[in-house]
Amino acid sequence: QIQRDLAELIRGLKDPRIGLLTIQAVDVTPDYAHAKVFFSLLVGDPKECEDALNEAAGFLRNGLFKRLAIH
């Protein structure tokens, strides 16, 4: 579920550095404090995309917590 929610949140980002990507896997610690996201990029620069996603981490984390609270 986290993988699907995260993909939806990323689609809503307006950063041009984030190209066409696919979330391959999400490894989450048992307490949900940390997650490692694995993605493949079909279009765009991988390093720029990674930087943009890291900059958006707070927004994405907040969005996931809101969605977890609803489910």
PDB file of N, CA and C in Angstrom:
ATOM      1  N   GLN A   1       0.825  -1.191   0.000  1.00  0.00           N
ATOM      2  CA  GLN A   1       0.000   0.000   0.000  1.00  0.00           C
ATOM      3  C   GLN A   1       0.873   1.259   0.000  1.00  0.00           C
ATOM      4  N   ILE A   2       1.946   1.247   0.778  1.00  0.00           N
ATOM      5  CA  ILE A   2       2.831   2.415   0.835  1.00  0.00           C
ATOM      6  C   ILE A   2       3.420   2.693  -0.543  1.00  0.00           C
ATOM      7  N   GLN A   3       3.787   1.670  -1.261  1.00  0.00           N
ATOM      8  CA  GLN A   3       4.360   1.833  -2.587  1.00  0.00           C
ATOM      9  C   GLN A   3       3.357   2.508  -3.529  1.00  0.00           C
ATOM     10  N   ARG A   4       2.114   2.084  -3.491  1.00  0.00           N
ATOM     11  CA  ARG A   4       1.086   2.680  -4.359  1.00  0.00           C
ATOM     12  C   ARG A   4       0.804   4.126  -3.960  1.00  0.00           C
ATOM     13  N   ASP A   5       0.684   4.375  -2.654  1.00  0.00           N
ATOM     14  CA  ASP A   5       0.427   5.741  -2.189  1.00  0.00           C
ATOM     15  C   ASP A   5       1.581   6.673  -2.538  1.00  0.00           C
ATOM     16  N   LEU A   6       2.793   6.191  -2.380  1.00  0.00           N
ATOM     17  CA  LEU A   6       3.966   7.004  -2.681  1.00  0.00           C
ATOM     18  C   LEU A   6       4.021   7.333  -4.174  1.00  0.00           C
ATOM     19  N   ALA A   7       3.727   6.362  -5.006  1.00  0.00           N
ATOM     20  CA  ALA A   7       3.723   6.594  -6.457  1.00  0.00           C
ATOM     21  C   ALA A   7       2.695   7.670  -6.818  1.00  0.00           C
ATOM     22  N   GLU A   8       1.547   7.622  -6.184  1.00  0.00           N
ATOM     23  CA  GLU A   8       0.502   8.626  -6.448  1.00  0.00           C
ATOM     24  C   GLU A   8       0.956  10.015  -5.997  1.00  0.00           C
ATOM     25  N   LEU A   9       1.580  10.100  -4.830  1.00  0.00           N
ATOM     26  CA  LEU A   9       2.076  11.387  -4.341  1.00  0.00           C
ATOM     27  C   LEU A   9       3.162  11.946  -5.256  1.00  0.00           C
ATOM     28  N   ILE A  10       4.045  11.093  -5.742  1.00  0.00           N
ATOM     29  CA  ILE A  10       5.127  11.537  -6.623  1.00  0.00           C
ATOM     30  C   ILE A  10       4.570  12.054  -7.944  1.00  0.00           C
ATOM     31  N   ARG A  11       3.510  11.415  -8.439  1.00  0.00           N
ATOM     32  CA  ARG A  11       2.896  11.891  -9.686  1.00  0.00           C
ATOM     33  C   ARG A  11       2.395  13.322  -9.542  1.00  0.00           C
ATOM     34  N   GLY A  12       2.039  13.721  -8.328  1.00  0.00           N
ATOM     35  CA  GLY A  12       1.536  15.072  -8.091  1.00  0.00           C
ATOM     36  C   GLY A  12       2.619  16.128  -7.946  1.00  0.00           C
ATOM     37  N   LEU A  13       3.881  15.725  -7.872  1.00  0.00           N
ATOM     38  CA  LEU A  13       4.971  16.689  -7.739  1.00  0.00           C
ATOM     39  C   LEU A  13       5.189  17.422  -9.061  1.00  0.00           C
ATOM     40  N   LYS A  14       5.482  18.700  -8.973  1.00  0.00           N
ATOM     41  CA  LYS A  14       5.658  19.519 -10.176  1.00  0.00           C
ATOM     42  C   LYS A  14       7.122  19.770 -10.526  1.00  0.00           C
ATOM     43  N   ASP A  15       8.042  19.108  -9.863  1.00  0.00           N
ATOM     44  CA  ASP A  15       9.466  19.324 -10.102  1.00  0.00           C
ATOM     45  C   ASP A  15       9.861  18.738 -11.460  1.00  0.00           C
ATOM     46  N   PRO A  16      10.406  19.562 -12.372  1.00  0.00           N
ATOM     47  CA  PRO A  16      10.761  19.057 -13.705  1.00  0.00           C
ATOM     48  C   PRO A  16      11.917  18.056 -13.693  1.00  0.00           C
ATOM     49  N   ARG A  17      12.659  17.967 -12.595  1.00  0.00           N
ATOM     50  CA  ARG A  17      13.760  17.010 -12.508  1.00  0.00           C
ATOM     51  C   ARG A  17      13.258  15.584 -12.321  1.00  0.00           C
ATOM     52  N   ILE A  18      12.006  15.450 -11.901  1.00  0.00           N
ATOM     53  CA  ILE A  18      11.435  14.117 -11.695  1.00  0.00           C
ATOM     54  C   ILE A  18      10.836  13.653 -13.010  1.00  0.00           C
ATOM     55  N   GLY A  19      11.517  12.719 -13.627  1.00  0.00           N
ATOM     56  CA  GLY A  19      11.068  12.205 -14.913  1.00  0.00           C
ATOM     57  C   GLY A  19      10.058  11.082 -14.733  1.00  0.00           C
ATOM     58  N   LEU A  20       9.897  10.328 -15.770  1.00  0.00           N
ATOM     59  CA  LEU A  20       8.978   9.195 -15.757  1.00  0.00           C
ATOM     60  C   LEU A  20       9.653   8.064 -14.995  1.00  0.00           C
ATOM     61  N   LEU A  21       9.109   7.735 -13.826  1.00  0.00           N
ATOM     62  CA  LEU A  21       9.746   6.729 -12.987  1.00  0.00           C
ATOM     63  C   LEU A  21       8.754   5.693 -12.498  1.00  0.00           C
ATOM     64  N   THR A  22       9.312   4.586 -12.058  1.00  0.00           N
ATOM     65  CA  THR A  22       8.532   3.495 -11.479  1.00  0.00           C
ATOM     66  C   THR A  22       9.117   3.171 -10.115  1.00  0.00           C
ATOM     67  N   ILE A  23       8.258   3.088  -9.099  1.00  0.00           N
ATOM     68  CA  ILE A  23       8.697   2.678  -7.766  1.00  0.00           C
ATOM     69  C   ILE A  23       8.829   1.159  -7.795  1.00  0.00           C
ATOM     70  N   GLN A  24      10.048   0.675  -7.591  1.00  0.00           N
ATOM     71  CA  GLN A  24      10.311  -0.764  -7.650  1.00  0.00           C
ATOM     72  C   GLN A  24      10.047  -1.444  -6.309  1.00  0.00           C
ATOM     73  N   ALA A  25      10.434  -0.788  -5.212  1.00  0.00           N
ATOM     74  CA  ALA A  25      10.270  -1.382  -3.885  1.00  0.00           C
ATOM     75  C   ALA A  25      10.390  -0.289  -2.839  1.00  0.00           C
ATOM     76  N   VAL A  26       9.816  -0.567  -1.674  1.00  0.00           N
ATOM     77  CA  VAL A  26       9.935   0.323  -0.523  1.00  0.00           C
ATOM     78  C   VAL A  26      10.241  -0.544   0.693  1.00  0.00           C
ATOM     79  N   ASP A  27      11.398  -0.311   1.303  1.00  0.00           N
ATOM     80  CA  ASP A  27      11.770  -1.006   2.538  1.00  0.00           C
ATOM     81  C   ASP A  27      11.507  -0.058   3.702  1.00  0.00           C
ATOM     82  N   VAL A  28      10.633  -0.466   4.611  1.00  0.00           N
ATOM     83  CA  VAL A  28      10.241   0.384   5.739  1.00  0.00           C
ATOM     84  C   VAL A  28      10.656  -0.303   7.038  1.00  0.00           C
ATOM     85  N   THR A  29      11.209   0.492   7.972  1.00  0.00           N
ATOM     86  CA  THR A  29      11.538  -0.072   9.277  1.00  0.00           C
ATOM     87  C   THR A  29      10.251  -0.423  10.012  1.00  0.00           C
ATOM     88  N   PRO A  30      10.308  -1.350  10.966  1.00  0.00           N
ATOM     89  CA  PRO A  30       9.092  -1.781  11.673  1.00  0.00           C
ATOM     90  C   PRO A  30       8.320  -0.637  12.347  1.00  0.00           C
ATOM     91  N   ASP A  31       9.029   0.402  12.770  1.00  0.00           N
ATOM     92  CA  ASP A  31       8.338   1.517  13.434  1.00  0.00           C
ATOM     93  C   ASP A  31       7.933   2.622  12.447  1.00  0.00           C
ATOM     94  N   TYR A  32       8.106   2.375  11.149  1.00  0.00           N
ATOM     95  CA  TYR A  32       7.760   3.323  10.080  1.00  0.00           C
ATOM     96  C   TYR A  32       8.547   4.632  10.163  1.00  0.00           C
ATOM     97  N   ALA A  33       9.654   4.653  10.887  1.00  0.00           N
ATOM     98  CA  ALA A  33      10.438   5.877  11.041  1.00  0.00           C
ATOM     99  C   ALA A  33      11.291   6.165   9.807  1.00  0.00           C
ATOM    100  N   HIS A  34      11.695   5.111   9.106  1.00  0.00           N
ATOM    101  CA  HIS A  34      12.565   5.297   7.944  1.00  0.00           C
ATOM    102  C   HIS A  34      12.106   4.390   6.812  1.00  0.00           C
ATOM    103  N   ALA A  35      12.286   4.894   5.616  1.00  0.00           N
ATOM    104  CA  ALA A  35      11.969   4.091   4.432  1.00  0.00           C
ATOM    105  C   ALA A  35      13.044   4.315   3.380  1.00  0.00           C
ATOM    106  N   LYS A  36      13.364   3.269   2.682  1.00  0.00           N
ATOM    107  CA  LYS A  36      14.282   3.361   1.556  1.00  0.00           C
ATOM    108  C   LYS A  36      13.459   3.013   0.322  1.00  0.00           C
ATOM    109  N   VAL A  37      13.467   3.929  -0.637  1.00  0.00           N
ATOM    110  CA  VAL A  37      12.649   3.772  -1.833  1.00  0.00           C
ATOM    111  C   VAL A  37      13.561   3.463  -3.015  1.00  0.00           C
ATOM    112  N   PHE A  38      13.234   2.410  -3.723  1.00  0.00           N
ATOM    113  CA  PHE A  38      13.986   2.011  -4.906  1.00  0.00           C
ATOM    114  C   PHE A  38      13.132   2.319  -6.130  1.00  0.00           C
ATOM    115  N   PHE A  39      13.724   3.019  -7.086  1.00  0.00           N
ATOM    116  CA  PHE A  39      12.979   3.383  -8.282  1.00  0.00           C
ATOM    117  C   PHE A  39      13.816   3.179  -9.525  1.00  0.00           C
ATOM    118  N   SER A  40      13.133   3.028 -10.642  1.00  0.00           N
ATOM    119  CA  SER A  40      13.821   3.021 -11.936  1.00  0.00           C
ATOM    120  C   SER A  40      13.275   4.203 -12.726  1.00  0.00           C
ATOM    121  N   LEU A  41      14.156   4.824 -13.461  1.00  0.00           N
ATOM    122  CA  LEU A  41      13.812   6.023 -14.198  1.00  0.00           C
ATOM    123  C   LEU A  41      13.807   5.706 -15.682  1.00  0.00           C
ATOM    124  N   LEU A  42      12.685   5.979 -16.330  1.00  0.00           N
ATOM    125  CA  LEU A  42      12.568   5.721 -17.760  1.00  0.00           C
ATOM    126  C   LEU A  42      13.009   6.927 -18.575  1.00  0.00           C
ATOM    127  N   VAL A  43      12.727   8.129 -18.067  1.00  0.00           N
ATOM    128  CA  VAL A  43      13.086   9.362 -18.758  1.00  0.00           C
ATOM    129  C   VAL A  43      13.650  10.332 -17.731  1.00  0.00           C
ATOM    130  N   GLY A  44      14.804  10.922 -18.025  1.00  0.00           N
ATOM    131  CA  GLY A  44      15.378  11.923 -17.136  1.00  0.00           C
ATOM    132  C   GLY A  44      16.737  11.516 -16.606  1.00  0.00           C
ATOM    133  N   ASP A  45      17.327  12.408 -15.825  1.00  0.00           N
ATOM    134  CA  ASP A  45      18.642  12.190 -15.229  1.00  0.00           C
ATOM    135  C   ASP A  45      18.473  11.551 -13.845  1.00  0.00           C
ATOM    136  N   PRO A  46      19.043  10.375 -13.619  1.00  0.00           N
ATOM    137  CA  PRO A  46      18.836   9.673 -12.337  1.00  0.00           C
ATOM    138  C   PRO A  46      19.280  10.477 -11.117  1.00  0.00           C
ATOM    139  N   LYS A  47      20.431  11.142 -11.187  1.00  0.00           N
ATOM    140  CA  LYS A  47      20.928  11.897 -10.036  1.00  0.00           C
ATOM    141  C   LYS A  47      20.028  13.095  -9.743  1.00  0.00           C
ATOM    142  N   GLU A  48      19.617  13.813 -10.775  1.00  0.00           N
ATOM    143  CA  GLU A  48      18.720  14.955 -10.573  1.00  0.00           C
ATOM    144  C   GLU A  48      17.381  14.499  -9.996  1.00  0.00           C
ATOM    145  N   CYS A  49      16.878  13.380 -10.486  1.00  0.00           N
ATOM    146  CA  CYS A  49      15.612  12.846  -9.982  1.00  0.00           C
ATOM    147  C   CYS A  49      15.755  12.452  -8.518  1.00  0.00           C
ATOM    148  N   GLU A  50      16.844  11.787  -8.174  1.00  0.00           N
ATOM    149  CA  GLU A  50      17.087  11.397  -6.783  1.00  0.00           C
ATOM    150  C   GLU A  50      17.163  12.626  -5.878  1.00  0.00           C
ATOM    151  N   ASP A  51      17.875  13.663  -6.335  1.00  0.00           N
ATOM    152  CA  ASP A  51      17.970  14.899  -5.553  1.00  0.00           C
ATOM    153  C   ASP A  51      16.599  15.524  -5.337  1.00  0.00           C
ATOM    154  N   ALA A  52      15.797  15.565  -6.393  1.00  0.00           N
ATOM    155  CA  ALA A  52      14.456  16.154  -6.294  1.00  0.00           C
ATOM    156  C   ALA A  52      13.578  15.365  -5.326  1.00  0.00           C
ATOM    157  N   LEU A  53      13.656  14.037  -5.389  1.00  0.00           N
ATOM    158  CA  LEU A  53      12.856  13.203  -4.483  1.00  0.00           C
ATOM    159  C   LEU A  53      13.313  13.385  -3.035  1.00  0.00           C
ATOM    160  N   ASN A  54      14.626  13.488  -2.821  1.00  0.00           N
ATOM    161  CA  ASN A  54      15.128  13.718  -1.461  1.00  0.00           C
ATOM    162  C   ASN A  54      14.677  15.072  -0.936  1.00  0.00           C
ATOM    163  N   GLU A  55      14.644  16.084  -1.801  1.00  0.00           N
ATOM    164  CA  GLU A  55      14.160  17.401  -1.383  1.00  0.00           C
ATOM    165  C   GLU A  55      12.669  17.379  -1.059  1.00  0.00           C
ATOM    166  N   ALA A  56      11.933  16.494  -1.712  1.00  0.00           N
ATOM    167  CA  ALA A  56      10.488  16.383  -1.487  1.00  0.00           C
ATOM    168  C   ALA A  56      10.154  15.383  -0.381  1.00  0.00           C
ATOM    169  N   ALA A  57      11.163  14.821   0.285  1.00  0.00           N
ATOM    170  CA  ALA A  57      10.938  13.761   1.269  1.00  0.00           C
ATOM    171  C   ALA A  57       9.976  14.176   2.373  1.00  0.00           C
ATOM    172  N   GLY A  58      10.110  15.372   2.882  1.00  0.00           N
ATOM    173  CA  GLY A  58       9.210  15.832   3.943  1.00  0.00           C
ATOM    174  C   GLY A  58       7.769  15.883   3.479  1.00  0.00           C
ATOM    175  N   PHE A  59       7.552  16.424   2.287  1.00  0.00           N
ATOM    176  CA  PHE A  59       6.205  16.482   1.719  1.00  0.00           C
ATOM    177  C   PHE A  59       5.645  15.074   1.526  1.00  0.00           C
ATOM    178  N   LEU A  60       6.472  14.172   0.983  1.00  0.00           N
ATOM    179  CA  LEU A  60       6.025  12.801   0.737  1.00  0.00           C
ATOM    180  C   LEU A  60       5.732  12.074   2.045  1.00  0.00           C
ATOM    181  N   ARG A  61       6.589  12.262   3.035  1.00  0.00           N
ATOM    182  CA  ARG A  61       6.379  11.635   4.344  1.00  0.00           C
ATOM    183  C   ARG A  61       5.064  12.100   4.957  1.00  0.00           C
ATOM    184  N   ASN A  62       4.833  13.406   4.910  1.00  0.00           N
ATOM    185  CA  ASN A  62       3.602  13.969   5.458  1.00  0.00           C
ATOM    186  C   ASN A  62       2.373  13.408   4.731  1.00  0.00           C
ATOM    187  N   GLY A  63       2.465  13.323   3.416  1.00  0.00           N
ATOM    188  CA  GLY A  63       1.358  12.777   2.645  1.00  0.00           C
ATOM    189  C   GLY A  63       1.083  11.318   2.964  1.00  0.00           C
ATOM    190  N   LEU A  64       2.144  10.535   3.173  1.00  0.00           N
ATOM    191  CA  LEU A  64       1.957   9.129   3.539  1.00  0.00           C
ATOM    192  C   LEU A  64       1.316   8.984   4.910  1.00  0.00           C
ATOM    193  N   PHE A  65       1.755   9.813   5.873  1.00  0.00           N
ATOM    194  CA  PHE A  65       1.167   9.736   7.217  1.00  0.00           C
ATOM    195  C   PHE A  65      -0.309  10.077   7.189  1.00  0.00           C
ATOM    196  N   LYS A  66      -0.686  11.059   6.388  1.00  0.00           N
ATOM    197  CA  LYS A  66      -2.103  11.425   6.268  1.00  0.00           C
ATOM    198  C   LYS A  66      -2.897  10.273   5.695  1.00  0.00           C
ATOM    199  N   ARG A  67      -2.337   9.611   4.676  1.00  0.00           N
ATOM    200  CA  ARG A  67      -3.034   8.484   4.060  1.00  0.00           C
ATOM    201  C   ARG A  67      -3.115   7.283   5.006  1.00  0.00           C
ATOM    202  N   LEU A  68      -2.053   7.046   5.782  1.00  0.00           N
ATOM    203  CA  LEU A  68      -2.073   5.945   6.754  1.00  0.00           C
ATOM    204  C   LEU A  68      -3.120   6.182   7.828  1.00  0.00           C
ATOM    205  N   ALA A  69      -3.303   7.432   8.220  1.00  0.00           N
ATOM    206  CA  ALA A  69      -4.292   7.749   9.242  1.00  0.00           C
ATOM    207  C   ALA A  69      -5.704   7.489   8.742  1.00  0.00           C
ATOM    208  N   ILE A  70      -5.911   7.647   7.434  1.00  0.00           N
ATOM    209  CA  ILE A  70      -7.242   7.440   6.848  1.00  0.00           C
ATOM    210  C   ILE A  70      -7.554   5.957   6.741  1.00  0.00           C
ATOM    211  N   HIS A  71      -6.539   5.144   6.397  1.00  0.00           N
ATOM    212  CA  HIS A  71      -6.772   3.701   6.176  1.00  0.00           C
ATOM    213  C   HIS A  71      -6.962   3.008   7.462  1.00  0.00           C
TER     214      HIS A  71
END
